[in-house]
Amino acid sequence: MRDPARPGPAGPGRRRWIGWAAPLAAAALVLAVIAASLAVVRGGHTRATSQPAAVPPYYVALTAPAYPDVYDGNATAAEVRATATGAVLAKVVPPRPYVHFAGVTAAADHRTFVLVAEEKSHPPEQPPQPGEGPHPYYQPSRFYLLRFDPGTGRASLRALPAAFIPANAEVHDMALSPDGTSLAADIGRDYTGSHLTVFDLATGNERAWSFKTCAQCNPSSGGLGFGGTNVDALSWTADGKHIAFAGPNRARWPSHGTVRLLDVTLPGSDLLADSRPVAEPPPGDHLNDVMWRGAIITPDGRTVVIVEELASNSAPLKVRDRLLKISVATGRVTVVNDLNILAGYRYEQVMYSSASGSVLVVSGARKGETAGILRGDRYTPIPWDRHIATAIW
């Protein structure tokens, strides 16, 4: 499916739509330390003189020299930037043989990040299997741990075990736990299933959850099903025990998406049986095709923040997105903003939420290549540029 607000056809590296999401996605670390190409750039002082209140001072932006596209994962660098000024404090490039970064996630200290690096930009499709369509080939990928030291202004990059991402698999979405010790990731392939996996970065152990909507169906995992590795598709609560993901409201009704909360401390591997719904989608309007482009839970677990797309199925084409807040306790929906994508707005991304969700950092809430801080209905722009595909605080 082509994104109506973005130019060009969907290439073979583009993500599939997940069926149930379409209607709406101190032990030492066990690290394989790569002594390969680290590009570290000192970028001046790390202190911000006018830091916006309640927003962390640093973030990591994935950038590209040409038109950046988060859905294609074409970023050629990861830059640590100052929130107040946009100044680049440090920069890393993908170590060889990788050529671009496809996604980024952050711990609660806002100095510890995980990147996913990929090898090829436009891999070929694999031959179809009997009874199935063509299989996209997913470029080899690897997770990297990025640490930023504000005292020295330097960033270090270390590789996580290569076995975390199986051969010919794609990282659809990921989220680093608040304490930086666990990484949740939606990893898999089209046609052959995917799993929500949590990696223990101290031990290298992993657990996987998935669900099936029918006996013949391939396993599925939580996530929103858009291209690239989304920053607002998986999220943790502050206690580090619960992960929010988008999925069906019940096993035999996959077309009705909802946000569910998984308790990772409990035994089990069934993603639906071991989770509970916390936010149902609001009713649509006369624009009758509804999709969710982002869905996170606030760290306190009380609010779900959703970027909802509303698109017409017939001419004239109309595409809007709404930024919503849904109360977990009451189900009450609050519309934060409502944008006409075809009027020059980009799809919104929620890149940061305060503990309660009262403060958000979003991109796409104003025309052009923009980002800003939302406090209620008050919007404060922050320095941003056209080379940024996505970012995380």
Protein backbone atom coordinates (compact mmCIF):
# COMPACT_ATOMS: atom_id res chain seq x y z
CA MET A 1 0.00 0.00 0.00
CA ARG A 2 1.37 3.36 -0.96
CA ASP A 3 1.52 6.13 1.62
CA PRO A 4 -0.59 8.85 -0.04
CA ALA A 5 1.37 11.62 1.61
CA ARG A 6 4.79 10.39 0.49
CA PRO A 7 6.24 10.29 -3.04
CA GLY A 8 7.31 7.14 -4.85
CA PRO A 9 6.04 3.57 -4.94
CA ALA A 10 6.45 1.10 -2.11
CA GLY A 11 9.73 -0.73 -2.68
CA PRO A 12 10.59 -4.32 -1.73
CA GLY A 13 12.09 -3.16 1.57
CA ARG A 14 8.84 -1.52 2.64
CA ARG A 15 6.80 -3.05 5.43
CA ARG A 16 3.62 -5.02 5.08
CA TRP A 17 0.36 -3.87 6.66
CA ILE A 18 -0.44 -6.05 9.62
CA GLY A 19 -3.98 -7.29 9.09
CA TRP A 20 -5.41 -6.36 12.44
CA ALA A 21 -3.73 -2.96 12.48
CA ALA A 22 -4.70 -1.91 8.97
CA PRO A 23 -8.16 -0.72 9.91
CA LEU A 24 -6.86 1.63 12.45
CA ALA A 25 1.62 -1.30 14.78
CA ALA A 26 25.15 -4.89 37.68
CA ALA A 27 26.43 -7.53 35.63
CA ALA A 28 28.47 -6.43 32.65
CA LEU A 29 26.61 -6.20 29.42
CA VAL A 30 27.06 -9.16 27.16
CA LEU A 31 28.24 -7.14 24.23
CA ALA A 32 30.29 -7.97 21.18
CA VAL A 33 32.37 -4.83 21.21
CA ILE A 34 33.04 -3.75 17.66
CA ALA A 35 36.33 -2.03 17.11
CA ALA A 36 35.15 -1.15 13.62
CA SER A 37 34.34 2.24 12.21
CA LEU A 38 33.26 4.55 15.00
CA ALA A 39 32.73 8.11 13.90
CA VAL A 40 32.73 10.39 16.95
CA VAL A 41 32.43 14.12 16.52
CA ARG A 42 32.89 16.56 19.33
CA GLY A 43 30.21 19.21 19.00
CA GLY A 44 30.95 21.91 21.53
CA HIS A 45 29.46 22.51 24.96
CA THR A 46 26.71 20.20 26.17
CA ARG A 47 25.04 22.67 28.48
CA ALA A 48 21.87 24.28 27.21
CA THR A 49 21.22 27.78 28.48
CA SER A 50 17.47 27.82 27.80
CA GLN A 51 16.45 24.19 28.18
CA PRO A 52 12.65 23.76 27.79
CA ALA A 53 11.12 22.71 31.10
CA ALA A 54 10.29 19.01 31.57
CA VAL A 55 11.97 17.96 28.34
CA PRO A 56 15.35 16.16 28.47
CA PRO A 57 18.33 18.19 27.25
CA TYR A 58 19.56 15.61 24.71
CA TYR A 59 18.08 13.45 21.99
CA VAL A 60 19.30 11.22 19.17
CA ALA A 61 18.20 12.06 15.64
CA LEU A 62 18.55 9.79 12.62
CA THR A 63 19.61 11.93 9.69
CA ALA A 64 20.11 11.58 5.94
CA PRO A 65 21.89 13.92 3.51
CA ALA A 66 18.98 13.78 1.04
CA TYR A 67 15.26 13.41 1.72
CA PRO A 68 15.03 11.44 4.98
CA ASP A 69 12.34 8.78 5.20
CA VAL A 70 11.68 6.99 8.48
CA TYR A 71 9.66 4.35 6.65
CA ASP A 72 12.58 3.39 4.41
CA GLY A 73 15.19 3.61 7.17
CA ASN A 74 17.66 5.51 4.97
CA ALA A 75 19.46 7.45 7.73
CA THR A 76 23.23 7.48 7.29
CA ALA A 77 24.05 8.93 10.73
CA ALA A 78 22.82 9.13 14.30
CA GLU A 79 23.37 12.52 15.91
CA VAL A 80 23.18 13.47 19.57
CA ARG A 81 21.62 16.91 19.63
CA ALA A 82 20.76 19.56 22.20
CA THR A 83 17.02 20.06 22.58
CA ALA A 84 17.25 23.80 23.19
CA THR A 85 19.55 24.70 20.31
CA GLY A 86 19.54 21.76 17.89
CA ALA A 87 23.36 21.74 18.04
CA VAL A 88 25.01 18.44 17.11
CA LEU A 89 27.00 17.30 20.16
CA ALA A 90 28.18 13.94 18.83
CA LYS A 91 27.70 11.83 15.72
CA VAL A 92 28.08 8.16 14.78
CA VAL A 93 27.81 6.42 11.43
CA PRO A 94 26.93 2.76 10.81
CA PRO A 95 29.96 0.49 11.22
CA ARG A 96 30.76 -1.59 8.14
CA PRO A 97 29.25 -3.58 6.52
CA TYR A 98 26.12 -1.66 7.53
CA VAL A 99 25.11 1.37 5.50
CA HIS A 100 22.19 2.98 7.35
CA PHE A 101 20.33 3.18 10.65
CA ALA A 102 16.71 2.07 10.49
CA GLY A 103 15.53 2.88 14.03
CA VAL A 104 16.40 4.23 17.45
CA THR A 105 15.05 3.92 20.99
CA ALA A 106 16.05 5.45 24.34
CA ALA A 107 16.28 4.61 28.04
CA ALA A 108 14.88 6.93 30.70
CA ASP A 109 18.29 8.51 31.39
CA HIS A 110 18.17 10.00 27.84
CA ARG A 111 21.86 9.15 27.44
CA THR A 112 21.52 5.45 26.61
CA PHE A 113 20.12 4.46 23.23
CA VAL A 114 19.82 1.42 20.96
CA LEU A 115 20.11 1.70 17.18
CA VAL A 116 19.35 -0.88 14.51
CA ALA A 117 21.77 -0.88 11.58
CA GLU A 118 21.08 -2.48 8.20
CA GLU A 119 23.26 -3.47 5.26
CA LYS A 120 21.38 -2.81 2.05
CA SER A 121 18.95 -0.14 0.99
CA HIS A 122 17.03 -1.99 -1.73
CA PRO A 123 17.43 -5.78 -1.41
CA PRO A 124 15.95 -8.12 -4.02
CA GLU A 125 12.88 -10.23 -3.45
CA GLN A 126 13.24 -13.94 -2.81
CA PRO A 127 11.52 -16.49 -5.06
CA PRO A 128 7.96 -17.29 -3.96
CA GLN A 129 7.29 -20.45 -1.99
CA PRO A 130 4.59 -22.93 -3.08
CA GLY A 131 1.16 -21.42 -2.49
CA GLU A 132 2.56 -18.04 -1.40
CA GLY A 133 3.47 -14.74 -2.95
CA PRO A 134 7.01 -13.32 -3.30
CA HIS A 135 9.04 -13.09 -0.11
CA PRO A 136 10.79 -9.80 0.54
CA TYR A 137 14.43 -10.25 1.46
CA TYR A 138 15.36 -8.43 4.64
CA GLN A 139 18.83 -7.04 4.79
CA PRO A 140 21.14 -8.26 7.57
CA SER A 141 20.66 -6.12 10.67
CA ARG A 142 22.28 -5.65 14.06
CA PHE A 143 21.51 -3.77 17.27
CA TYR A 144 24.02 -1.25 18.58
CA LEU A 145 24.16 0.30 22.03
CA LEU A 146 24.92 4.03 21.95
CA ARG A 147 26.01 5.87 25.10
CA PHE A 148 26.46 9.62 25.32
CA ASP A 149 28.67 11.22 27.98
CA PRO A 150 27.63 14.86 28.51
CA GLY A 151 30.83 15.53 30.46
CA THR A 152 33.10 14.78 27.52
CA GLY A 153 30.63 15.32 24.69
CA ARG A 154 31.53 11.92 23.25
CA ALA A 155 29.36 9.03 22.07
CA SER A 156 30.41 5.37 22.12
CA LEU A 157 28.92 2.59 20.00
CA ARG A 158 28.92 -1.11 20.89
CA ALA A 159 27.36 -4.02 19.07
CA LEU A 160 24.82 -6.23 20.77
CA PRO A 161 24.96 -9.98 19.95
CA ALA A 162 24.39 -10.70 16.27
CA ALA A 163 22.05 -13.58 17.17
CA PHE A 164 19.45 -11.11 18.48
CA ILE A 165 18.28 -10.51 14.89
CA PRO A 166 17.89 -13.77 12.91
CA ALA A 167 19.03 -14.05 9.32
CA ASN A 168 16.63 -12.53 6.79
CA ALA A 169 14.50 -10.91 9.49
CA GLU A 170 13.43 -7.28 9.93
CA VAL A 171 13.11 -5.19 13.07
CA HIS A 172 9.67 -3.63 12.78
CA ASP A 173 9.49 -1.77 16.11
CA MET A 174 11.59 -1.61 19.28
CA ALA A 175 11.69 0.00 22.73
CA LEU A 176 14.45 0.12 25.35
CA SER A 177 13.32 -0.35 28.95
CA PRO A 178 13.55 2.70 31.26
CA ASP A 179 16.63 1.35 33.06
CA GLY A 180 18.31 0.38 29.80
CA THR A 181 18.66 -3.32 30.70
CA SER A 182 15.96 -4.85 28.45
CA LEU A 183 15.15 -4.34 24.78
CA ALA A 184 11.71 -5.17 23.38
CA ALA A 185 11.52 -5.67 19.62
CA ASP A 186 8.98 -6.80 17.05
CA ILE A 187 11.10 -8.98 14.76
CA GLY A 188 10.03 -11.18 11.88
CA ARG A 189 9.31 -11.66 8.21
CA ASP A 190 6.28 -11.26 6.02
CA TYR A 191 4.37 -14.47 5.37
CA THR A 192 6.35 -16.45 7.92
CA GLY A 193 5.35 -14.71 11.14
CA SER A 194 6.96 -12.44 13.68
CA HIS A 195 7.39 -12.30 17.44
CA LEU A 196 7.57 -9.72 20.19
CA THR A 197 10.90 -10.49 21.84
CA VAL A 198 12.45 -9.09 25.00
CA PHE A 199 16.23 -9.31 25.30
CA ASP A 200 18.03 -9.14 28.66
CA LEU A 201 21.10 -7.08 27.81
CA ALA A 202 22.98 -8.20 30.93
CA THR A 203 22.64 -11.94 30.33
CA GLY A 204 21.85 -12.24 26.64
CA ASN A 205 18.69 -14.24 27.48
CA GLU A 206 15.53 -13.64 25.47
CA ARG A 207 11.80 -14.37 25.64
CA ALA A 208 9.29 -14.27 22.79
CA TRP A 209 5.52 -13.84 22.61
CA SER A 210 3.18 -14.19 19.64
CA PHE A 211 -0.44 -15.05 18.82
CA LYS A 212 -2.45 -16.72 16.07
CA THR A 213 -5.90 -15.72 14.89
CA CYS A 214 -6.49 -19.09 13.20
CA ALA A 215 -4.94 -22.56 13.17
CA GLN A 216 -3.36 -21.96 9.76
CA CYS A 217 -2.23 -18.41 10.46
CA ASN A 218 1.41 -17.49 10.96
CA PRO A 219 2.35 -16.12 14.39
CA SER A 220 1.96 -12.38 14.83
CA SER A 221 3.40 -9.88 17.25
CA GLY A 222 2.61 -6.44 18.56
CA GLY A 223 3.36 -3.44 16.38
CA LEU A 224 1.80 -1.08 13.91
CA GLY A 225 2.96 -2.52 10.61
CA PHE A 226 4.38 0.62 8.97
CA GLY A 227 7.72 0.82 7.18
CA GLY A 228 10.91 1.39 9.10
CA THR A 229 11.42 0.87 12.82
CA ASN A 230 8.88 3.08 14.54
CA VAL A 231 9.67 5.16 17.63
CA ASP A 232 6.04 5.23 18.80
CA ALA A 233 4.79 1.66 18.32
CA LEU A 234 6.16 -0.10 21.45
CA SER A 235 6.57 1.46 24.89
CA TRP A 236 7.35 0.51 28.50
CA THR A 237 5.82 1.67 31.75
CA ALA A 238 8.20 3.23 34.26
CA ASP A 239 8.35 0.08 36.41
CA GLY A 240 9.99 -1.84 33.55
CA LYS A 241 7.44 -4.65 33.90
CA HIS A 242 4.87 -3.80 31.23
CA ILE A 243 5.04 -3.24 27.46
CA ALA A 244 2.28 -1.57 25.45
CA PHE A 245 1.68 -2.74 21.90
CA ALA A 246 -1.04 -2.54 19.25
CA GLY A 247 -3.00 -5.72 18.58
CA PRO A 248 -6.47 -7.21 18.21
CA ASN A 249 -9.06 -6.86 20.93
CA ARG A 250 -9.53 -10.63 20.97
CA ALA A 251 -8.08 -13.60 19.12
CA ARG A 252 -11.01 -14.23 16.77
CA TRP A 253 -11.69 -10.59 15.90
CA PRO A 254 -8.41 -9.42 14.41
CA SER A 255 -9.81 -6.49 12.45
CA HIS A 256 -10.54 -4.43 15.55
CA GLY A 257 -7.24 -3.00 16.81
CA THR A 258 -6.54 -1.91 20.35
CA VAL A 259 -3.62 -1.11 22.64
CA ARG A 260 -2.73 -3.94 24.99
CA LEU A 261 -0.41 -4.15 28.00
CA LEU A 262 1.87 -7.17 28.45
CA ASP A 263 3.25 -8.11 31.89
CA VAL A 264 6.73 -9.45 31.12
CA THR A 265 7.19 -10.80 34.67
CA LEU A 266 4.52 -13.48 34.22
CA PRO A 267 5.18 -16.86 32.57
CA GLY A 268 3.75 -17.62 29.15
CA SER A 269 4.33 -16.94 25.46
CA ASP A 270 0.81 -16.11 24.20
CA LEU A 271 0.76 -12.40 23.47
CA LEU A 272 -3.02 -12.10 23.82
CA ALA A 273 -3.57 -14.42 26.77
CA ASP A 274 -0.76 -12.75 28.71
CA SER A 275 -1.86 -9.17 28.03
CA ARG A 276 -4.93 -7.02 28.63
CA PRO A 277 -6.55 -4.26 26.56
CA VAL A 278 -6.02 -0.76 27.94
CA ALA A 279 -7.33 1.50 25.16
CA GLU A 280 -9.98 0.87 22.50
CA PRO A 281 -9.98 2.88 19.29
CA PRO A 282 -12.48 5.72 19.12
CA PRO A 283 -15.23 5.55 16.49
CA GLY A 284 -14.38 6.81 13.02
CA ASP A 285 -16.27 9.44 11.08
CA HIS A 286 -17.29 9.81 7.44
CA LEU A 287 -13.66 9.17 6.48
CA ASN A 288 -14.11 5.46 6.71
CA ASP A 289 -10.57 4.03 6.60
CA VAL A 290 -8.94 4.22 10.04
CA MET A 291 -5.33 3.30 10.84
CA TRP A 292 -3.07 3.88 13.80
CA ARG A 293 0.34 5.30 12.97
CA GLY A 294 1.57 5.55 16.56
CA ALA A 295 0.47 4.25 19.95
CA ILE A 296 2.39 4.51 23.24
CA ILE A 297 1.53 4.33 26.91
CA THR A 298 2.79 7.05 29.23
CA PRO A 299 5.38 5.94 31.80
CA ASP A 300 2.82 6.15 34.64
CA GLY A 301 0.57 3.72 32.76
CA ARG A 302 -2.48 5.97 32.94
CA THR A 303 -2.72 7.38 29.42
CA VAL A 304 -2.35 6.02 25.89
CA VAL A 305 -1.19 8.51 23.25
CA ILE A 306 -2.24 7.63 19.69
CA VAL A 307 -1.58 9.04 16.24
CA GLU A 308 -4.65 8.01 14.27
CA GLU A 309 -4.94 8.26 10.49
CA LEU A 310 -8.29 8.89 8.82
CA ALA A 311 -8.36 8.43 5.04
CA SER A 312 -11.12 8.38 2.47
CA ASN A 313 -11.59 5.33 0.27
CA SER A 314 -12.90 7.30 -2.69
CA ALA A 315 -12.20 10.50 -4.56
CA PRO A 316 -11.52 13.18 -3.65
CA LEU A 317 -8.73 11.79 -1.51
CA LYS A 318 -8.72 13.06 2.06
CA VAL A 319 -6.02 12.13 4.55
CA ARG A 320 -5.94 13.43 8.11
CA ASP A 321 -4.26 12.42 11.30
CA ARG A 322 -5.38 13.05 14.84
CA LEU A 323 -3.26 13.07 17.96
CA LEU A 324 -5.36 11.52 20.72
CA LYS A 325 -5.04 10.82 24.42
CA ILE A 326 -7.09 7.98 25.92
CA SER A 327 -7.51 7.45 29.65
CA VAL A 328 -6.75 3.87 30.67
CA ALA A 329 -9.11 4.16 33.67
CA THR A 330 -12.13 5.68 31.95
CA GLY A 331 -11.60 5.29 28.19
CA ARG A 332 -12.19 9.02 27.73
CA VAL A 333 -10.73 10.32 24.45
CA THR A 334 -9.17 13.77 24.17
CA VAL A 335 -8.30 15.11 20.71
CA VAL A 336 -5.03 17.04 20.99
CA ASN A 337 -4.93 18.12 17.35
CA ASP A 338 -6.47 17.25 13.99
CA LEU A 339 -4.41 17.80 10.82
CA ASN A 340 -5.05 17.65 7.07
CA ILE A 341 -2.01 15.77 5.74
CA LEU A 342 -2.66 16.88 2.17
CA ALA A 343 -2.47 20.50 3.28
CA GLY A 344 1.28 20.27 3.83
CA TYR A 345 1.51 18.51 7.20
CA ARG A 346 3.61 15.38 7.70
CA TYR A 347 2.38 12.41 9.70
CA GLU A 348 2.99 13.04 13.35
CA GLN A 349 5.44 11.08 15.45
CA VAL A 350 5.40 11.06 19.25
CA MET A 351 9.08 11.08 20.17
CA TYR A 352 8.87 11.75 23.90
CA SER A 353 6.29 11.69 26.69
CA SER A 354 6.64 12.91 30.26
CA ALA A 355 5.56 10.54 33.02
CA SER A 356 1.92 11.62 32.84
CA GLY A 357 1.76 12.59 29.17
CA SER A 358 1.20 16.24 30.04
CA VAL A 359 4.31 17.12 28.00
CA LEU A 360 4.96 15.57 24.60
CA VAL A 361 7.57 16.13 21.92
CA VAL A 362 6.09 15.57 18.46
CA SER A 363 7.08 16.10 14.85
CA GLY A 364 4.64 16.93 12.07
CA ALA A 365 2.27 18.99 14.19
CA ARG A 366 3.04 22.05 12.08
CA LYS A 367 3.60 22.40 8.33
CA GLY A 368 6.94 21.43 6.86
CA GLU A 369 9.88 19.77 8.61
CA THR A 370 9.04 20.76 12.16
CA ALA A 371 9.01 19.48 15.73
CA GLY A 372 7.90 20.99 18.99
CA ILE A 373 6.78 20.56 22.58
CA LEU A 374 3.09 20.14 23.37
CA ARG A 375 1.85 21.12 26.81
CA GLY A 376 -1.87 20.65 26.61
CA ASP A 377 -2.85 22.70 23.55
CA ARG A 378 0.21 24.96 23.79
CA TYR A 379 2.84 24.27 21.14
CA THR A 380 6.45 25.46 21.44
CA PRO A 381 8.65 24.83 18.38
CA ILE A 382 12.17 23.50 18.84
CA PRO A 383 15.11 23.74 16.42
CA TRP A 384 14.69 21.12 13.69
CA ASP A 385 15.92 20.59 10.14
CA ARG A 386 14.93 18.77 7.00
CA HIS A 387 17.64 16.11 7.34
CA ILE A 388 16.02 14.49 10.37
CA ALA A 389 13.96 11.36 9.65
CA THR A 390 13.07 10.59 13.27
CA ALA A 391 14.35 11.15 16.79
CA ILE A 392 13.98 9.92 20.35
CA TRP A 393 14.52 11.48 23.78
